[in-house]
Amino acid sequence: TITGNGPRRNDAFRIDRSQNLVAMVPGSITSVWGSNYSQPYLNLFNDEKWSTFHTGNTPALANVYDFADVAINPNNKNDYYVGSFHSGLFHFNQEELVQVFHHENSPLNSKDTSDAYIAGVTFDAASNLWISLSYAASPIAVLKNDGSWQMISLGTTIPSYNTAVDRILIDSRGWKWVPCPRAGKLVVLDDN
């Protein structure tokens, strides 16, 4: 068998890049915003070569599903996070899995269960990680650059436990645009 230098899988749902690093996850969210229970993969292209995290080379990914988004820290390309639409938040540094955030060690949980349905992760200019957490009482989580957490409720704007929240987009003013596809709404946060 001849194998070329390429990603382990060719399906890309979300991609992020910073300097000479490209990170790609296959993603897997159903059309009705449910989990597909697909195996986790994180493909990285760094210094002209591909590497992949998967259950075969990263045992901590056993029983993990649906890597839905990836974000590279804009101030440190070796620091990146992957959100799973089932299994929480995964922190990688220097191509090593260093921490998994879930209901036991963070405020991340959905539907009052141990699952964390994360559809999006994105950094702001200050290296705070904004997390869209579907079906949660507080559907926006922020992992601040000092390691503390902030949970943001959308109040009565969006009924929390029935809300799918997609990837948060941050514009040049620092406003956060939060798509809520099942509710047919777009929420804009100005926390400046």
C-alpha atoms as a PDB file:
ATOM      1  CA  THR A   1       0.000   0.000   0.000  1.00  0.00           C
ATOM      2  CA  ILE A   2       1.265   3.432  -0.919  1.00  0.00           C
ATOM      3  CA  THR A   3       0.060   6.275   1.248  1.00  0.00           C
ATOM      4  CA  GLY A   4       0.577   9.924   0.385  1.00  0.00           C
ATOM      5  CA  ASN A   5       0.974  12.932   2.621  1.00  0.00           C
ATOM      6  CA  GLY A   6      -2.630  13.924   3.225  1.00  0.00           C
ATOM      7  CA  PRO A   7      -5.388  14.025   5.827  1.00  0.00           C
ATOM      8  CA  ARG A   8      -6.674  10.732   7.178  1.00  0.00           C
ATOM      9  CA  ARG A   9     -10.199  11.629   6.068  1.00  0.00           C
ATOM     10  CA  ASN A  10     -11.324  13.819   3.218  1.00  0.00           C
ATOM     11  CA  ASP A  11     -14.541  15.141   4.746  1.00  0.00           C
ATOM     12  CA  ALA A  12     -14.200  18.657   6.140  1.00  0.00           C
ATOM     13  CA  PHE A  13     -16.961  20.312   8.121  1.00  0.00           C
ATOM     14  CA  ARG A  14     -14.996  23.131   9.751  1.00  0.00           C
ATOM     15  CA  ILE A  15     -11.502  24.468   9.115  1.00  0.00           C
ATOM     16  CA  ASP A  16      -9.388  27.044  10.936  1.00  0.00           C
ATOM     17  CA  ARG A  17      -5.946  28.366  10.125  1.00  0.00           C
ATOM     18  CA  SER A  18      -3.245  30.447  11.739  1.00  0.00           C
ATOM     19  CA  GLN A  19       0.182  31.182  10.301  1.00  0.00           C
ATOM     20  CA  ASN A  20       1.325  27.905   8.719  1.00  0.00           C
ATOM     21  CA  LEU A  21      -1.121  25.643  10.609  1.00  0.00           C
ATOM     22  CA  VAL A  22      -4.425  24.395   9.183  1.00  0.00           C
ATOM     23  CA  ALA A  23      -6.794  22.379  11.393  1.00  0.00           C
ATOM     24  CA  MET A  24      -9.790  20.471  10.040  1.00  0.00           C
ATOM     25  CA  VAL A  25     -12.570  18.413  11.641  1.00  0.00           C
ATOM     26  CA  PRO A  26     -15.094  16.236   9.791  1.00  0.00           C
ATOM     27  CA  GLY A  27     -18.084  17.396  11.837  1.00  0.00           C
ATOM     28  CA  SER A  28     -21.340  15.615  12.195  1.00  0.00           C
ATOM     29  CA  ILE A  29     -24.551  17.361  13.137  1.00  0.00           C
ATOM     30  CA  THR A  30     -27.833  16.121  11.701  1.00  0.00           C
ATOM     31  CA  SER A  31     -30.238  18.366   9.808  1.00  0.00           C
ATOM     32  CA  VAL A  32     -32.441  18.538  12.919  1.00  0.00           C
ATOM     33  CA  TRP A  33     -29.464  19.431  15.143  1.00  0.00           C
ATOM     34  CA  GLY A  34     -28.791  16.048  16.665  1.00  0.00           C
ATOM     35  CA  SER A  35     -25.679  13.938  17.043  1.00  0.00           C
ATOM     36  CA  ASN A  36     -24.589  11.455  14.339  1.00  0.00           C
ATOM     37  CA  TYR A  37     -22.181   9.630  16.675  1.00  0.00           C
ATOM     38  CA  SER A  38     -19.349   9.773  14.126  1.00  0.00           C
ATOM     39  CA  GLN A  39     -15.803   8.908  15.172  1.00  0.00           C
ATOM     40  CA  PRO A  40     -13.597  11.888  16.110  1.00  0.00           C
ATOM     41  CA  TYR A  41     -10.818  13.056  13.817  1.00  0.00           C
ATOM     42  CA  LEU A  42      -8.643  16.146  13.955  1.00  0.00           C
ATOM     43  CA  ASN A  43      -6.497  16.660  10.859  1.00  0.00           C
ATOM     44  CA  LEU A  44      -3.585  19.116  11.067  1.00  0.00           C
ATOM     45  CA  PHE A  45      -1.428  20.491   8.278  1.00  0.00           C
ATOM     46  CA  ASN A  46       1.718  21.990   9.782  1.00  0.00           C
ATOM     47  CA  ASP A  47       5.154  22.576   8.250  1.00  0.00           C
ATOM     48  CA  GLU A  48       4.120  20.920   4.964  1.00  0.00           C
ATOM     49  CA  LYS A  49       2.938  17.645   6.532  1.00  0.00           C
ATOM     50  CA  TRP A  50      -0.338  16.184   7.748  1.00  0.00           C
ATOM     51  CA  SER A  51      -0.997  14.572  11.123  1.00  0.00           C
ATOM     52  CA  THR A  52      -4.228  13.218  12.580  1.00  0.00           C
ATOM     53  CA  PHE A  53      -5.643  12.639  16.042  1.00  0.00           C
ATOM     54  CA  HIS A  54      -8.115   9.746  16.184  1.00  0.00           C
ATOM     55  CA  THR A  55      -9.085   6.888  18.500  1.00  0.00           C
ATOM     56  CA  GLY A  56      -6.236   4.715  17.187  1.00  0.00           C
ATOM     57  CA  ASN A  57      -3.463   7.066  18.337  1.00  0.00           C
ATOM     58  CA  THR A  58      -5.213   9.029  21.107  1.00  0.00           C
ATOM     59  CA  PRO A  59      -6.877   6.645  23.608  1.00  0.00           C
ATOM     60  CA  ALA A  60      -8.639   9.536  25.398  1.00  0.00           C
ATOM     61  CA  LEU A  61     -10.854   9.865  22.295  1.00  0.00           C
ATOM     62  CA  ALA A  62     -12.499   6.476  22.894  1.00  0.00           C
ATOM     63  CA  ASN A  63     -16.262   6.950  23.329  1.00  0.00           C
ATOM     64  CA  VAL A  64     -16.008  10.488  21.922  1.00  0.00           C
ATOM     65  CA  TYR A  65     -18.169  11.522  18.981  1.00  0.00           C
ATOM     66  CA  ASP A  66     -18.854  14.297  16.505  1.00  0.00           C
ATOM     67  CA  PHE A  67     -15.962  16.770  16.374  1.00  0.00           C
ATOM     68  CA  ALA A  68     -17.925  19.751  15.030  1.00  0.00           C
ATOM     69  CA  ASP A  69     -15.546  22.722  15.157  1.00  0.00           C
ATOM     70  CA  VAL A  70     -11.931  23.705  15.727  1.00  0.00           C
ATOM     71  CA  ALA A  71     -10.347  27.016  16.759  1.00  0.00           C
ATOM     72  CA  ILE A  72      -6.671  27.943  16.792  1.00  0.00           C
ATOM     73  CA  ASN A  73      -5.572  30.552  19.330  1.00  0.00           C
ATOM     74  CA  PRO A  74      -4.641  33.623  17.232  1.00  0.00           C
ATOM     75  CA  ASN A  75      -1.868  34.497  19.690  1.00  0.00           C
ATOM     76  CA  ASN A  76      -0.378  30.971  19.890  1.00  0.00           C
ATOM     77  CA  LYS A  77      -0.753  28.648  16.892  1.00  0.00           C
ATOM     78  CA  ASN A  78       0.277  25.638  18.993  1.00  0.00           C
ATOM     79  CA  ASP A  79      -2.826  26.062  21.174  1.00  0.00           C
ATOM     80  CA  TYR A  80      -6.141  24.896  19.723  1.00  0.00           C
ATOM     81  CA  TYR A  81      -9.527  23.617  20.853  1.00  0.00           C
ATOM     82  CA  VAL A  82     -12.033  21.210  19.344  1.00  0.00           C
ATOM     83  CA  GLY A  83     -15.732  21.258  20.187  1.00  0.00           C
ATOM     84  CA  SER A  84     -17.678  18.007  20.055  1.00  0.00           C
ATOM     85  CA  PHE A  85     -21.418  17.936  19.421  1.00  0.00           C
ATOM     86  CA  HIS A  86     -21.698  15.272  22.084  1.00  0.00           C
ATOM     87  CA  SER A  87     -18.573  14.909  24.210  1.00  0.00           C
ATOM     88  CA  GLY A  88     -17.342  18.319  25.385  1.00  0.00           C
ATOM     89  CA  LEU A  89     -14.352  20.518  24.638  1.00  0.00           C
ATOM     90  CA  PHE A  90     -10.867  19.200  23.802  1.00  0.00           C
ATOM     91  CA  HIS A  91      -7.740  21.300  24.380  1.00  0.00           C
ATOM     92  CA  PHE A  92      -4.640  20.478  22.349  1.00  0.00           C
ATOM     93  CA  ASN A  93      -1.214  22.063  22.674  1.00  0.00           C
ATOM     94  CA  GLN A  94       1.969  21.218  20.743  1.00  0.00           C
ATOM     95  CA  GLU A  95       0.050  18.399  19.004  1.00  0.00           C
ATOM     96  CA  GLU A  96      -0.884  16.745  22.309  1.00  0.00           C
ATOM     97  CA  LEU A  97      -4.285  16.425  23.952  1.00  0.00           C
ATOM     98  CA  VAL A  98      -3.813  18.230  27.268  1.00  0.00           C
ATOM     99  CA  GLN A  99      -7.334  18.521  28.685  1.00  0.00           C
ATOM    100  CA  VAL A 100     -10.936  17.501  28.125  1.00  0.00           C
ATOM    101  CA  PHE A 101     -13.637  19.781  29.523  1.00  0.00           C
ATOM    102  CA  HIS A 102     -16.974  18.151  30.382  1.00  0.00           C
ATOM    103  CA  HIS A 103     -19.723  18.386  33.002  1.00  0.00           C
ATOM    104  CA  GLU A 104     -17.473  17.201  35.856  1.00  0.00           C
ATOM    105  CA  ASN A 105     -14.695  19.816  35.466  1.00  0.00           C
ATOM    106  CA  SER A 106     -16.453  22.740  33.781  1.00  0.00           C
ATOM    107  CA  PRO A 107     -19.899  24.322  33.440  1.00  0.00           C
ATOM    108  CA  LEU A 108     -20.372  22.641  30.043  1.00  0.00           C
ATOM    109  CA  ASN A 109     -23.501  20.500  29.895  1.00  0.00           C
ATOM    110  CA  SER A 110     -26.631  20.370  27.780  1.00  0.00           C
ATOM    111  CA  LYS A 111     -30.191  19.331  28.618  1.00  0.00           C
ATOM    112  CA  ASP A 112     -29.217  18.712  32.246  1.00  0.00           C
ATOM    113  CA  THR A 113     -27.157  15.713  31.125  1.00  0.00           C
ATOM    114  CA  SER A 114     -23.483  14.930  31.064  1.00  0.00           C
ATOM    115  CA  ASP A 115     -23.374  15.555  27.307  1.00  0.00           C
ATOM    116  CA  ALA A 116     -22.133  18.873  25.940  1.00  0.00           C
ATOM    117  CA  TYR A 117     -23.431  19.702  22.469  1.00  0.00           C
ATOM    118  CA  ILE A 118     -20.814  22.152  21.198  1.00  0.00           C
ATOM    119  CA  ALA A 119     -21.421  23.291  17.612  1.00  0.00           C
ATOM    120  CA  GLY A 120     -18.887  26.091  17.529  1.00  0.00           C
ATOM    121  CA  VAL A 121     -15.680  27.415  19.079  1.00  0.00           C
ATOM    122  CA  THR A 122     -13.972  30.672  18.174  1.00  0.00           C
ATOM    123  CA  PHE A 123     -11.401  32.981  19.722  1.00  0.00           C
ATOM    124  CA  ASP A 124     -11.742  36.724  20.197  1.00  0.00           C
ATOM    125  CA  ALA A 125      -8.798  39.126  19.886  1.00  0.00           C
ATOM    126  CA  ALA A 126      -7.931  38.709  23.596  1.00  0.00           C
ATOM    127  CA  SER A 127      -7.633  34.880  23.262  1.00  0.00           C
ATOM    128  CA  ASN A 128     -10.913  34.225  25.075  1.00  0.00           C
ATOM    129  CA  LEU A 129     -12.614  31.127  23.646  1.00  0.00           C
ATOM    130  CA  TRP A 130     -16.308  31.581  22.796  1.00  0.00           C
ATOM    131  CA  ILE A 131     -18.282  28.335  22.798  1.00  0.00           C
ATOM    132  CA  SER A 132     -21.768  27.742  21.410  1.00  0.00           C
ATOM    133  CA  LEU A 133     -23.472  25.185  23.645  1.00  0.00           C
ATOM    134  CA  SER A 134     -26.749  23.888  22.241  1.00  0.00           C
ATOM    135  CA  TYR A 135     -29.660  22.840  24.464  1.00  0.00           C
ATOM    136  CA  ALA A 136     -28.210  24.478  27.570  1.00  0.00           C
ATOM    137  CA  ALA A 137     -29.600  26.930  30.125  1.00  0.00           C
ATOM    138  CA  SER A 138     -26.702  29.218  29.219  1.00  0.00           C
ATOM    139  CA  PRO A 139     -26.007  28.515  25.531  1.00  0.00           C
ATOM    140  CA  ILE A 140     -22.884  30.663  25.345  1.00  0.00           C
ATOM    141  CA  ALA A 141     -19.796  29.767  27.334  1.00  0.00           C
ATOM    142  CA  VAL A 142     -16.561  31.724  27.436  1.00  0.00           C
ATOM    143  CA  LEU A 143     -13.304  30.132  28.538  1.00  0.00           C
ATOM    144  CA  LYS A 144     -11.327  33.231  29.416  1.00  0.00           C
ATOM    145  CA  ASN A 145      -7.602  33.506  28.787  1.00  0.00           C
ATOM    146  CA  ASP A 146      -7.022  33.346  32.578  1.00  0.00           C
ATOM    147  CA  GLY A 147      -8.748  29.916  32.750  1.00  0.00           C
ATOM    148  CA  SER A 148     -11.995  31.141  34.326  1.00  0.00           C
ATOM    149  CA  TRP A 149     -15.439  30.500  32.857  1.00  0.00           C
ATOM    150  CA  GLN A 150     -18.295  32.842  32.041  1.00  0.00           C
ATOM    151  CA  MET A 151     -21.723  31.492  31.127  1.00  0.00           C
ATOM    152  CA  ILE A 152     -24.140  33.703  29.181  1.00  0.00           C
ATOM    153  CA  SER A 153     -27.883  33.175  29.048  1.00  0.00           C
ATOM    154  CA  LEU A 154     -29.941  34.547  26.196  1.00  0.00           C
ATOM    155  CA  GLY A 155     -32.775  35.231  28.636  1.00  0.00           C
ATOM    156  CA  THR A 156     -36.238  35.104  27.146  1.00  0.00           C
ATOM    157  CA  THR A 157     -34.925  35.873  23.647  1.00  0.00           C
ATOM    158  CA  ILE A 158     -34.360  32.181  22.944  1.00  0.00           C
ATOM    159  CA  PRO A 159     -35.873  29.319  24.990  1.00  0.00           C
ATOM    160  CA  SER A 160     -32.683  27.739  26.288  1.00  0.00           C
ATOM    161  CA  TYR A 161     -33.296  23.995  26.541  1.00  0.00           C
ATOM    162  CA  ASN A 162     -34.819  23.856  23.056  1.00  0.00           C
ATOM    163  CA  THR A 163     -32.184  25.946  21.308  1.00  0.00           C
ATOM    164  CA  ALA A 164     -29.545  24.855  18.869  1.00  0.00           C
ATOM    165  CA  VAL A 165     -26.740  27.419  18.763  1.00  0.00           C
ATOM    166  CA  ASP A 166     -24.286  27.424  15.865  1.00  0.00           C
ATOM    167  CA  ARG A 167     -20.737  28.828  15.623  1.00  0.00           C
ATOM    168  CA  ILE A 168     -20.415  32.350  17.046  1.00  0.00           C
ATOM    169  CA  LEU A 169     -18.990  34.875  14.611  1.00  0.00           C
ATOM    170  CA  ILE A 170     -17.049  37.857  15.978  1.00  0.00           C
ATOM    171  CA  ASP A 171     -16.856  40.985  13.841  1.00  0.00           C
ATOM    172  CA  SER A 172     -14.258  43.779  13.775  1.00  0.00           C
ATOM    173  CA  ARG A 173     -16.137  45.680  16.521  1.00  0.00           C
ATOM    174  CA  GLY A 174     -16.016  42.671  18.817  1.00  0.00           C
ATOM    175  CA  TRP A 175     -19.765  42.013  18.496  1.00  0.00           C
ATOM    176  CA  LYS A 176     -20.759  38.372  18.740  1.00  0.00           C
ATOM    177  CA  TRP A 177     -23.252  37.088  16.154  1.00  0.00           C
ATOM    178  CA  VAL A 178     -25.022  33.972  17.437  1.00  0.00           C
ATOM    179  CA  PRO A 179     -27.075  31.965  14.911  1.00  0.00           C
ATOM    180  CA  CYS A 180     -29.944  29.978  16.431  1.00  0.00           C
ATOM    181  CA  PRO A 181     -31.036  27.858  13.442  1.00  0.00           C
ATOM    182  CA  ARG A 182     -33.941  25.914  14.957  1.00  0.00           C
ATOM    183  CA  ALA A 183     -35.438  29.102  16.396  1.00  0.00           C
ATOM    184  CA  GLY A 184     -34.898  30.971  13.129  1.00  0.00           C
ATOM    185  CA  LYS A 185     -33.135  33.807  14.967  1.00  0.00           C
ATOM    186  CA  LEU A 186     -29.829  35.612  14.990  1.00  0.00           C
ATOM    187  CA  VAL A 187     -28.756  37.141  18.310  1.00  0.00           C
ATOM    188  CA  VAL A 188     -26.137  39.895  18.461  1.00  0.00           C
ATOM    189  CA  LEU A 189     -24.143  40.467  21.672  1.00  0.00           C
ATOM    190  CA  ASP A 190     -22.207  43.648  22.357  1.00  0.00           C
ATOM    191  CA  ASP A 191     -20.166  42.963  25.490  1.00  0.00           C
ATOM    192  CA  ASN A 192     -17.635  45.758  24.872  1.00  0.00           C
END
